[in-house]
Amino acid sequence: MKLEIKPIPIEQEPKRENRFYVEFPSQFKIPSYTVQTCMRPKLVDYVWQDFIITFLDIINPSTSDGVKNMIDYCQEHENEETLFKFQIKQLDPIGTTINTWTISVKELVEVDFGACNYDNSDISMIKVVLKPSYCMLS
């Protein structure tokens, strides 16, 4: 008896952690390519857990300015049930969107613009923590 090996179709390829981009509302002016890390949704006891997003702090357009726009927007809309929505798009090997998470944000929990340090030549990063009210996969 001859064992026949069939090729696995491309649809069976596992998703890769580094094939994604994040879209924020245009008024924030945060380019998606500045996002270095972003968690996918996590549900614990039917409660959506906080999102931690890290940004590469570039000079122009300034990521710091974009995150400050986010802070200002959240302060202006703090009494609303949903402050804003953003999307995490996962991609296939050729860059086509395979699924989209839409995250409704109810609270801006933390923003850390990082440190200034003469002893360190590392790239500046910004950490943002967001509390979702709802996450939807499409």
Foldseek 3Di string as FASTA:
>chain_A
DDDDDDDDDLVPDDFDQPAKWKFFPVQLVADRVQWDDWDDWDADPNFTDKIKIKGQQDVVVGNVSSVVSVVVQCVVCLPDQFSGKMKMFGAGPVNDTPKIKIFGFNDWDDKDQDDDDPVDDDTTMIMTITGTPDIDMD
